[in-house]
Amino acid sequence: MNILNAIMNLVNDPIIDVKEYSDSRNRANSMGAALEEYIKDMFAGTITTTDTKERMKRFSEVFSYSGNQNNPPDFMIKNGDAVEVKKIEGMGSSLALNSSYPKYKIFADSPMLTQACKTAEEWEEKDIIYAVGVLPKNNRLRQLTLVYGVDYAAKEEIYTRIKDSIKNGVNEIPGIELTETRELGRVNRVDPLGITYLRIRGMWGIDNPLKVYDYIYEPNLDKEFNFMAIVNINKYNTLKNKDKFENFIKDRTDITMESVEIKDPNNPVKLVEAKLIKYSL
């Protein structure tokens, strides 16, 4: 299973009312969790599956790992990509990444991953897909975007350089007591009694793909729902079902695919050939 399977499943069974979808299957309480379950169903081909045991069995066949908001990624496809789901409320909203900087790929030796994720299958690195859903307070999905980290985020050293510079700067402040931490820093014994401490955390954020790719894509606001995916040409050519996908969209008017050029996240003057897939209803 891959991104093209997910898109075909979405087009065959589009879901806009995420709350109704979730409630009818008793799957999640929060809308962020409900969106994640829907994205999983897209990739697993279980959008119309109502039997819990059947769905669980299919998930075990398709996915090697499922995490949560504190243990990214949200899920990994066996011998395939990782997926991170993000919910925002408005078309112009940014993505809150909290203490985790953007990922262009994920690596099995990363200290940010759980042991369960690292050993879920035999792997060293995976492409990561950011699935960004615009889900306003009315719980109706307005926009869904799928974009690969390699086309969206810079390489890891860009972010770690800034993080390490800040952390080293904190460590050089004289007259404070520090504790080793995975955060930017922790200062102990701030007050005379020595009972107060200060945690210094990074709170990362990134512009949402609608803003990042506004030079090639604009949602049709007259439509109830819009979908957009960007797949760089190197990745697209590795997808074994691309012929099936091209045949799937050939005679449809609601979904299109075109060749575009996008900015390289590591060098914006360098353009990368990609496929832009659009769908609306």
C-alpha atoms as a PDB file:
ATOM      1  CA  MET A   1       0.000   0.000   0.000  1.00  0.00           C
ATOM      2  CA  ASN A   2       1.205   3.508  -0.771  1.00  0.00           C
ATOM      3  CA  ILE A   3       0.093   7.086  -1.300  1.00  0.00           C
ATOM      4  CA  LEU A   4      -1.607   6.291  -4.625  1.00  0.00           C
ATOM      5  CA  ASN A   5      -3.711   3.554  -2.998  1.00  0.00           C
ATOM      6  CA  ALA A   6      -4.748   6.057  -0.331  1.00  0.00           C
ATOM      7  CA  ILE A   7      -5.780   8.624  -2.939  1.00  0.00           C
ATOM      8  CA  MET A   8      -7.835   6.091  -4.900  1.00  0.00           C
ATOM      9  CA  ASN A   9      -9.538   4.951  -1.685  1.00  0.00           C
ATOM     10  CA  LEU A  10     -10.319   8.572  -0.814  1.00  0.00           C
ATOM     11  CA  VAL A  11     -11.841   9.281  -4.221  1.00  0.00           C
ATOM     12  CA  ASN A  12     -13.905   6.084  -4.138  1.00  0.00           C
ATOM     13  CA  ASP A  13     -15.249   6.781  -0.625  1.00  0.00           C
ATOM     14  CA  PRO A  14     -14.797  10.445   0.319  1.00  0.00           C
ATOM     15  CA  ILE A  15     -15.634  11.368   3.902  1.00  0.00           C
ATOM     16  CA  ILE A  16     -16.259  14.994   4.839  1.00  0.00           C
ATOM     17  CA  ASP A  17     -18.091  14.769   8.169  1.00  0.00           C
ATOM     18  CA  VAL A  18     -15.274  13.324  10.258  1.00  0.00           C
ATOM     19  CA  LYS A  19     -17.244  13.388  13.516  1.00  0.00           C
ATOM     20  CA  GLU A  20     -20.153  11.418  12.075  1.00  0.00           C
ATOM     21  CA  TYR A  21     -17.701   8.978  10.497  1.00  0.00           C
ATOM     22  CA  SER A  22     -15.913   8.476  13.808  1.00  0.00           C
ATOM     23  CA  ASP A  23     -19.064   8.290  15.953  1.00  0.00           C
ATOM     24  CA  SER A  24     -20.651   5.684  13.694  1.00  0.00           C
ATOM     25  CA  ARG A  25     -17.680   3.404  14.311  1.00  0.00           C
ATOM     26  CA  ASN A  26     -16.916   4.322  17.949  1.00  0.00           C
ATOM     27  CA  ARG A  27     -13.324   5.007  16.984  1.00  0.00           C
ATOM     28  CA  ALA A  28     -12.130   8.246  18.587  1.00  0.00           C
ATOM     29  CA  ASN A  29     -13.132  11.012  20.954  1.00  0.00           C
ATOM     30  CA  SER A  30     -11.073  13.968  19.701  1.00  0.00           C
ATOM     31  CA  MET A  31     -11.282  15.239  16.135  1.00  0.00           C
ATOM     32  CA  GLY A  32      -7.513  14.999  15.754  1.00  0.00           C
ATOM     33  CA  ALA A  33      -7.665  11.307  16.615  1.00  0.00           C
ATOM     34  CA  ALA A  34     -10.703  10.854  14.355  1.00  0.00           C
ATOM     35  CA  LEU A  35      -8.806  12.407  11.437  1.00  0.00           C
ATOM     36  CA  GLU A  36      -5.885  10.078  12.089  1.00  0.00           C
ATOM     37  CA  GLU A  37      -8.192   7.044  12.048  1.00  0.00           C
ATOM     38  CA  TYR A  38      -9.657   8.182   8.741  1.00  0.00           C
ATOM     39  CA  ILE A  39      -6.177   8.599   7.226  1.00  0.00           C
ATOM     40  CA  LYS A  40      -5.290   5.087   8.411  1.00  0.00           C
ATOM     41  CA  ASP A  41      -8.439   3.775   6.741  1.00  0.00           C
ATOM     42  CA  MET A  42      -7.433   5.525   3.516  1.00  0.00           C
ATOM     43  CA  PHE A  43      -4.089   3.745   3.454  1.00  0.00           C
ATOM     44  CA  ALA A  44      -5.446   0.388   4.629  1.00  0.00           C
ATOM     45  CA  GLY A  45      -8.481   0.388   2.342  1.00  0.00           C
ATOM     46  CA  THR A  46     -10.895   0.100   5.273  1.00  0.00           C
ATOM     47  CA  ILE A  47     -12.972   3.272   4.896  1.00  0.00           C
ATOM     48  CA  THR A  48     -16.173   1.249   4.502  1.00  0.00           C
ATOM     49  CA  THR A  49     -15.187  -1.489   6.971  1.00  0.00           C
ATOM     50  CA  THR A  50     -17.414  -1.389  10.059  1.00  0.00           C
ATOM     51  CA  ASP A  51     -16.382  -4.698  11.625  1.00  0.00           C
ATOM     52  CA  THR A  52     -13.732  -3.912  14.249  1.00  0.00           C
ATOM     53  CA  LYS A  53     -11.998  -7.301  14.089  1.00  0.00           C
ATOM     54  CA  GLU A  54     -11.799  -7.218  10.313  1.00  0.00           C
ATOM     55  CA  ARG A  55     -10.336  -3.715  10.446  1.00  0.00           C
ATOM     56  CA  MET A  56      -7.776  -4.720  13.077  1.00  0.00           C
ATOM     57  CA  LYS A  57      -6.710  -7.679  10.952  1.00  0.00           C
ATOM     58  CA  ARG A  58      -6.266  -5.459   7.915  1.00  0.00           C
ATOM     59  CA  PHE A  59      -4.233  -2.957   9.928  1.00  0.00           C
ATOM     60  CA  SER A  60      -1.897  -5.732  11.095  1.00  0.00           C
ATOM     61  CA  GLU A  61      -1.374  -6.723   7.457  1.00  0.00           C
ATOM     62  CA  VAL A  62      -0.677  -3.196   6.181  1.00  0.00           C
ATOM     63  CA  PHE A  63       1.034  -1.386   9.066  1.00  0.00           C
ATOM     64  CA  SER A  64       4.131  -2.279  11.052  1.00  0.00           C
ATOM     65  CA  TYR A  65       3.740   0.441  13.701  1.00  0.00           C
ATOM     66  CA  SER A  66       1.124   2.765  15.153  1.00  0.00           C
ATOM     67  CA  GLY A  67       2.170   5.499  17.568  1.00  0.00           C
ATOM     68  CA  ASN A  68       0.487   8.531  19.132  1.00  0.00           C
ATOM     69  CA  GLN A  69       0.970  12.284  19.448  1.00  0.00           C
ATOM     70  CA  ASN A  70       3.872  11.783  21.859  1.00  0.00           C
ATOM     71  CA  ASN A  71       5.542   9.051  19.804  1.00  0.00           C
ATOM     72  CA  PRO A  72       5.797   9.988  16.127  1.00  0.00           C
ATOM     73  CA  PRO A  73       5.268   8.899  13.446  1.00  0.00           C
ATOM     74  CA  ASP A  74       1.551   8.200  13.720  1.00  0.00           C
ATOM     75  CA  PHE A  75       1.956   5.005  11.709  1.00  0.00           C
ATOM     76  CA  MET A  76       4.308   3.162   9.368  1.00  0.00           C
ATOM     77  CA  ILE A  77       3.400   1.077   6.341  1.00  0.00           C
ATOM     78  CA  LYS A  78       5.177  -2.268   6.136  1.00  0.00           C
ATOM     79  CA  ASN A  79       8.105  -1.905   3.741  1.00  0.00           C
ATOM     80  CA  GLY A  80       6.745   1.528   2.882  1.00  0.00           C
ATOM     81  CA  ASP A  81       6.394   5.089   4.089  1.00  0.00           C
ATOM     82  CA  ALA A  82       5.753   6.585   7.499  1.00  0.00           C
ATOM     83  CA  VAL A  83       2.816   8.952   7.979  1.00  0.00           C
ATOM     84  CA  GLU A  84       2.381  11.872  10.369  1.00  0.00           C
ATOM     85  CA  VAL A  85      -1.140  13.328  10.644  1.00  0.00           C
ATOM     86  CA  LYS A  86      -1.707  16.980  11.552  1.00  0.00           C
ATOM     87  CA  LYS A  87      -5.038  18.733  12.154  1.00  0.00           C
ATOM     88  CA  ILE A  88      -5.476  22.479  11.759  1.00  0.00           C
ATOM     89  CA  GLU A  89      -8.669  24.536  11.947  1.00  0.00           C
ATOM     90  CA  GLY A  90      -8.093  27.111   9.219  1.00  0.00           C
ATOM     91  CA  MET A  91      -6.674  27.266   5.702  1.00  0.00           C
ATOM     92  CA  GLY A  92      -4.057  29.754   6.888  1.00  0.00           C
ATOM     93  CA  SER A  93      -3.135  28.023  10.148  1.00  0.00           C
ATOM     94  CA  SER A  94       0.393  26.798  10.797  1.00  0.00           C
ATOM     95  CA  LEU A  95       1.324  23.325  12.008  1.00  0.00           C
ATOM     96  CA  ALA A  96       2.406  23.013  15.637  1.00  0.00           C
ATOM     97  CA  LEU A  97       5.202  20.446  15.856  1.00  0.00           C
ATOM     98  CA  ASN A  98       5.980  21.077  19.538  1.00  0.00           C
ATOM     99  CA  SER A  99       9.401  19.715  20.536  1.00  0.00           C
ATOM    100  CA  SER A 100       9.975  17.865  17.254  1.00  0.00           C
ATOM    101  CA  TYR A 101      11.467  19.761  14.316  1.00  0.00           C
ATOM    102  CA  PRO A 102      10.205  18.980  10.775  1.00  0.00           C
ATOM    103  CA  LYS A 103      11.383  15.686   9.316  1.00  0.00           C
ATOM    104  CA  TYR A 104      12.460  15.221   5.726  1.00  0.00           C
ATOM    105  CA  LYS A 105      12.832  11.489   6.462  1.00  0.00           C
ATOM    106  CA  ILE A 106      12.871   9.322   9.563  1.00  0.00           C
ATOM    107  CA  PHE A 107      15.768   7.106  10.584  1.00  0.00           C
ATOM    108  CA  ALA A 108      15.731   3.967  12.709  1.00  0.00           C
ATOM    109  CA  ASP A 109      18.614   5.226  14.862  1.00  0.00           C
ATOM    110  CA  SER A 110      16.830   8.455  15.827  1.00  0.00           C
ATOM    111  CA  PRO A 111      16.649   9.021  19.614  1.00  0.00           C
ATOM    112  CA  MET A 112      13.209  10.598  19.107  1.00  0.00           C
ATOM    113  CA  LEU A 113      11.663   7.246  18.140  1.00  0.00           C
ATOM    114  CA  THR A 114      10.416   4.610  20.543  1.00  0.00           C
ATOM    115  CA  GLN A 115      12.043   1.201  20.680  1.00  0.00           C
ATOM    116  CA  ALA A 116       8.791  -0.301  19.393  1.00  0.00           C
ATOM    117  CA  CYS A 117       9.024   1.902  16.312  1.00  0.00           C
ATOM    118  CA  LYS A 118      12.699   1.119  15.737  1.00  0.00           C
ATOM    119  CA  THR A 119      12.123  -2.639  15.889  1.00  0.00           C
ATOM    120  CA  ALA A 120       8.705  -2.776  14.189  1.00  0.00           C
ATOM    121  CA  GLU A 121      10.356  -4.126  11.047  1.00  0.00           C
ATOM    122  CA  GLU A 122      13.782  -4.291   9.429  1.00  0.00           C
ATOM    123  CA  TRP A 123      14.438  -0.731   8.305  1.00  0.00           C
ATOM    124  CA  GLU A 124      17.036   2.029   8.323  1.00  0.00           C
ATOM    125  CA  GLU A 125      15.222   5.005   6.843  1.00  0.00           C
ATOM    126  CA  LYS A 126      11.752   5.802   5.567  1.00  0.00           C
ATOM    127  CA  ASP A 127      10.142   8.584   3.611  1.00  0.00           C
ATOM    128  CA  ILE A 128       7.564  10.380   5.720  1.00  0.00           C
ATOM    129  CA  ILE A 129       4.248  11.735   4.471  1.00  0.00           C
ATOM    130  CA  TYR A 130       2.682  14.712   6.226  1.00  0.00           C
ATOM    131  CA  ALA A 131      -1.108  14.364   6.068  1.00  0.00           C
ATOM    132  CA  VAL A 132      -2.565  17.769   6.918  1.00  0.00           C
ATOM    133  CA  GLY A 133      -6.306  18.117   7.403  1.00  0.00           C
ATOM    134  CA  VAL A 134      -8.135  21.434   7.676  1.00  0.00           C
ATOM    135  CA  LEU A 135     -10.908  20.554  10.109  1.00  0.00           C
ATOM    136  CA  PRO A 136     -12.903  23.565  11.371  1.00  0.00           C
ATOM    137  CA  LYS A 137     -15.095  23.524  14.460  1.00  0.00           C
ATOM    138  CA  ASN A 138     -18.030  22.186  12.430  1.00  0.00           C
ATOM    139  CA  ASN A 139     -16.021  18.925  12.112  1.00  0.00           C
ATOM    140  CA  ARG A 140     -16.349  18.860   8.326  1.00  0.00           C
ATOM    141  CA  LEU A 141     -13.090  18.221   6.507  1.00  0.00           C
ATOM    142  CA  ARG A 142     -12.407  21.250   4.303  1.00  0.00           C
ATOM    143  CA  GLN A 143      -9.009  20.358   2.860  1.00  0.00           C
ATOM    144  CA  LEU A 144      -6.679  17.373   2.996  1.00  0.00           C
ATOM    145  CA  THR A 145      -3.077  17.563   1.837  1.00  0.00           C
ATOM    146  CA  LEU A 146      -0.496  14.798   1.475  1.00  0.00           C
ATOM    147  CA  VAL A 147       3.107  15.879   1.005  1.00  0.00           C
ATOM    148  CA  TYR A 148       6.419  14.109   1.455  1.00  0.00           C
ATOM    149  CA  GLY A 149       8.886  15.395   4.019  1.00  0.00           C
ATOM    150  CA  VAL A 150      11.672  15.486   1.413  1.00  0.00           C
ATOM    151  CA  ASP A 151       9.605  18.028  -0.539  1.00  0.00           C
ATOM    152  CA  TYR A 152       8.500  20.007   2.522  1.00  0.00           C
ATOM    153  CA  ALA A 153      11.274  20.098   5.132  1.00  0.00           C
ATOM    154  CA  ALA A 154      15.006  20.745   4.985  1.00  0.00           C
ATOM    155  CA  LYS A 155      17.574  18.152   5.973  1.00  0.00           C
ATOM    156  CA  GLU A 156      18.032  17.408   9.651  1.00  0.00           C
ATOM    157  CA  GLU A 157      21.270  19.346  10.109  1.00  0.00           C
ATOM    158  CA  ILE A 158      19.509  22.634   9.316  1.00  0.00           C
ATOM    159  CA  TYR A 159      17.345  22.266  12.421  1.00  0.00           C
ATOM    160  CA  THR A 160      19.855  20.568  14.717  1.00  0.00           C
ATOM    161  CA  ARG A 161      22.373  23.356  14.081  1.00  0.00           C
ATOM    162  CA  ILE A 162      19.955  25.924  15.502  1.00  0.00           C
ATOM    163  CA  LYS A 163      18.882  23.622  18.328  1.00  0.00           C
ATOM    164  CA  ASP A 164      22.468  22.831  19.326  1.00  0.00           C
ATOM    165  CA  SER A 165      23.505  26.495  19.168  1.00  0.00           C
ATOM    166  CA  ILE A 166      20.733  27.452  21.591  1.00  0.00           C
ATOM    167  CA  LYS A 167      21.485  24.525  23.887  1.00  0.00           C
ATOM    168  CA  ASN A 168      25.201  25.316  23.955  1.00  0.00           C
ATOM    169  CA  GLY A 169      24.420  28.958  24.662  1.00  0.00           C
ATOM    170  CA  VAL A 170      22.315  27.996  27.677  1.00  0.00           C
ATOM    171  CA  ASN A 171      25.099  25.748  28.971  1.00  0.00           C
ATOM    172  CA  GLU A 172      27.543  28.655  28.866  1.00  0.00           C
ATOM    173  CA  ILE A 173      25.480  30.908  31.160  1.00  0.00           C
ATOM    174  CA  PRO A 174      27.532  31.351  34.357  1.00  0.00           C
ATOM    175  CA  GLY A 175      26.194  30.795  37.860  1.00  0.00           C
ATOM    176  CA  ILE A 176      23.393  28.325  37.111  1.00  0.00           C
ATOM    177  CA  GLU A 177      22.983  24.625  37.833  1.00  0.00           C
ATOM    178  CA  LEU A 178      22.060  22.556  34.798  1.00  0.00           C
ATOM    179  CA  THR A 179      20.815  18.991  34.422  1.00  0.00           C
ATOM    180  CA  GLU A 180      21.406  16.840  31.355  1.00  0.00           C
ATOM    181  CA  THR A 181      18.182  16.679  29.346  1.00  0.00           C
ATOM    182  CA  ARG A 182      16.897  15.921  25.850  1.00  0.00           C
ATOM    183  CA  GLU A 183      15.262  19.361  25.875  1.00  0.00           C
ATOM    184  CA  LEU A 184      17.140  22.616  25.261  1.00  0.00           C
ATOM    185  CA  GLY A 185      17.996  22.829  28.927  1.00  0.00           C
ATOM    186  CA  ARG A 186      16.904  22.503  32.537  1.00  0.00           C
ATOM    187  CA  VAL A 187      18.055  24.930  35.210  1.00  0.00           C
ATOM    188  CA  ASN A 188      17.828  23.646  38.801  1.00  0.00           C
ATOM    189  CA  ARG A 189      17.728  25.505  42.128  1.00  0.00           C
ATOM    190  CA  VAL A 190      16.583  28.806  40.673  1.00  0.00           C
ATOM    191  CA  ASP A 191      15.428  30.219  44.048  1.00  0.00           C
ATOM    192  CA  PRO A 192      17.188  30.464  47.452  1.00  0.00           C
ATOM    193  CA  LEU A 193      15.409  27.339  48.753  1.00  0.00           C
ATOM    194  CA  GLY A 194      16.535  25.389  45.726  1.00  0.00           C
ATOM    195  CA  ILE A 195      13.017  24.143  45.042  1.00  0.00           C
ATOM    196  CA  THR A 196      12.280  25.778  41.689  1.00  0.00           C
ATOM    197  CA  TYR A 197      13.509  24.625  38.296  1.00  0.00           C
ATOM    198  CA  LEU A 198      13.156  25.938  34.762  1.00  0.00           C
ATOM    199  CA  ARG A 199      12.629  23.704  31.721  1.00  0.00           C
ATOM    200  CA  ILE A 200      13.692  25.194  28.396  1.00  0.00           C
ATOM    201  CA  ARG A 201      11.829  23.554  25.545  1.00  0.00           C
ATOM    202  CA  GLY A 202      11.821  24.052  21.812  1.00  0.00           C
ATOM    203  CA  MET A 203       8.385  24.664  20.284  1.00  0.00           C
ATOM    204  CA  TRP A 204       8.711  24.092  16.564  1.00  0.00           C
ATOM    205  CA  GLY A 205       6.159  25.098  13.965  1.00  0.00           C
ATOM    206  CA  ILE A 206       5.958  25.147  10.177  1.00  0.00           C
ATOM    207  CA  ASP A 207       3.759  26.879   7.602  1.00  0.00           C
ATOM    208  CA  ASN A 208       1.076  24.582   6.284  1.00  0.00           C
ATOM    209  CA  PRO A 209       1.488  23.185   2.749  1.00  0.00           C
ATOM    210  CA  LEU A 210      -1.247  25.425   1.332  1.00  0.00           C
ATOM    211  CA  LYS A 211       0.998  28.419   2.019  1.00  0.00           C
ATOM    212  CA  VAL A 212       4.252  26.671   1.127  1.00  0.00           C
ATOM    213  CA  TYR A 213       2.950  25.587  -2.292  1.00  0.00           C
ATOM    214  CA  ASP A 214       0.695  28.547  -3.082  1.00  0.00           C
ATOM    215  CA  TYR A 215       2.700  29.134  -6.265  1.00  0.00           C
ATOM    216  CA  ILE A 216       1.354  25.891  -7.788  1.00  0.00           C
ATOM    217  CA  TYR A 217      -1.891  25.160  -5.925  1.00  0.00           C
ATOM    218  CA  GLU A 218      -4.955  27.093  -4.819  1.00  0.00           C
ATOM    219  CA  PRO A 219      -7.977  25.322  -3.311  1.00  0.00           C
ATOM    220  CA  ASN A 220     -11.352  25.879  -4.934  1.00  0.00           C
ATOM    221  CA  LEU A 221     -13.269  27.532  -2.108  1.00  0.00           C
ATOM    222  CA  ASP A 222     -16.541  27.066  -3.990  1.00  0.00           C
ATOM    223  CA  LYS A 223     -16.176  23.335  -3.404  1.00  0.00           C
ATOM    224  CA  GLU A 224     -17.114  21.656  -0.139  1.00  0.00           C
ATOM    225  CA  PHE A 225     -13.902  19.633  -0.004  1.00  0.00           C
ATOM    226  CA  ASN A 226     -10.477  19.931  -1.630  1.00  0.00           C
ATOM    227  CA  PHE A 227      -7.584  17.492  -1.760  1.00  0.00           C
ATOM    228  CA  MET A 228      -4.014  18.009  -2.896  1.00  0.00           C
ATOM    229  CA  ALA A 229      -0.960  15.746  -3.001  1.00  0.00           C
ATOM    230  CA  ILE A 230       2.576  16.429  -4.170  1.00  0.00           C
ATOM    231  CA  VAL A 231       4.922  13.582  -5.067  1.00  0.00           C
ATOM    232  CA  ASN A 232       8.406  14.313  -6.396  1.00  0.00           C
ATOM    233  CA  ILE A 233       9.122  12.547  -9.663  1.00  0.00           C
ATOM    234  CA  ASN A 234      11.829  10.279  -8.239  1.00  0.00           C
ATOM    235  CA  LYS A 235       9.404   8.942  -5.643  1.00  0.00           C
ATOM    236  CA  TYR A 236       6.542   8.746  -8.117  1.00  0.00           C
ATOM    237  CA  ASN A 237       8.580   6.595 -10.486  1.00  0.00           C
ATOM    238  CA  THR A 238       9.207   4.045  -7.712  1.00  0.00           C
ATOM    239  CA  LEU A 239       5.480   3.510  -7.087  1.00  0.00           C
ATOM    240  CA  LYS A 240       4.622   0.178  -8.670  1.00  0.00           C
ATOM    241  CA  ASN A 241       0.936   1.022  -9.084  1.00  0.00           C
ATOM    242  CA  LYS A 242       1.414   4.317 -10.936  1.00  0.00           C
ATOM    243  CA  ASP A 243       0.038   2.810 -14.169  1.00  0.00           C
ATOM    244  CA  LYS A 244      -3.074   1.652 -12.323  1.00  0.00           C
ATOM    245  CA  PHE A 245      -3.459   5.118 -10.810  1.00  0.00           C
ATOM    246  CA  GLU A 246      -3.073   6.879 -14.153  1.00  0.00           C
ATOM    247  CA  ASN A 247      -5.717   4.588 -15.622  1.00  0.00           C
ATOM    248  CA  PHE A 248      -7.952   5.275 -12.594  1.00  0.00           C
ATOM    249  CA  ILE A 249      -7.933   9.047 -13.131  1.00  0.00           C
ATOM    250  CA  LYS A 250      -7.913   8.961 -16.944  1.00  0.00           C
ATOM    251  CA  ASP A 251     -11.654   9.292 -17.530  1.00  0.00           C
ATOM    252  CA  ARG A 252     -12.544  11.232 -14.381  1.00  0.00           C
ATOM    253  CA  THR A 253     -13.187  14.959 -14.221  1.00  0.00           C
ATOM    254  CA  ASP A 254     -13.029  15.367 -10.428  1.00  0.00           C
ATOM    255  CA  ILE A 255      -9.364  14.349 -10.066  1.00  0.00           C
ATOM    256  CA  THR A 256      -6.384  15.545 -12.091  1.00  0.00           C
ATOM    257  CA  MET A 257      -2.629  15.080 -12.127  1.00  0.00           C
ATOM    258  CA  GLU A 258      -0.127  17.441 -13.689  1.00  0.00           C
ATOM    259  CA  SER A 259       3.627  17.849 -13.828  1.00  0.00           C
ATOM    260  CA  VAL A 260       4.960  20.808 -11.828  1.00  0.00           C
ATOM    261  CA  GLU A 261       8.231  22.129 -10.468  1.00  0.00           C
ATOM    262  CA  ILE A 262       8.634  22.750  -6.748  1.00  0.00           C
ATOM    263  CA  LYS A 263      11.351  24.451  -4.725  1.00  0.00           C
ATOM    264  CA  ASP A 264      14.008  22.235  -3.162  1.00  0.00           C
ATOM    265  CA  PRO A 265      13.629  22.770   0.631  1.00  0.00           C
ATOM    266  CA  ASN A 266      17.427  22.813   0.998  1.00  0.00           C
ATOM    267  CA  ASN A 267      18.067  25.176  -1.920  1.00  0.00           C
ATOM    268  CA  PRO A 268      14.983  27.126  -3.088  1.00  0.00           C
ATOM    269  CA  VAL A 269      16.579  28.263  -6.359  1.00  0.00           C
ATOM    270  CA  LYS A 270      16.812  24.620  -7.396  1.00  0.00           C
ATOM    271  CA  LEU A 271      13.573  23.280  -8.859  1.00  0.00           C
ATOM    272  CA  VAL A 272      12.436  19.679  -8.490  1.00  0.00           C
ATOM    273  CA  GLU A 273      10.060  17.970 -10.898  1.00  0.00           C
ATOM    274  CA  ALA A 274       6.957  16.613  -9.187  1.00  0.00           C
ATOM    275  CA  LYS A 275       3.400  15.417  -9.701  1.00  0.00           C
ATOM    276  CA  LEU A 276       0.547  17.565  -8.388  1.00  0.00           C
ATOM    277  CA  ILE A 277      -2.658  15.607  -7.779  1.00  0.00           C
ATOM    278  CA  LYS A 278      -5.889  17.533  -7.173  1.00  0.00           C
ATOM    279  CA  TYR A 279      -9.385  16.389  -6.269  1.00  0.00           C
ATOM    280  CA  SER A 280     -12.483  18.255  -5.128  1.00  0.00           C
ATOM    281  CA  LEU A 281     -16.180  17.719  -4.563  1.00  0.00           C
END
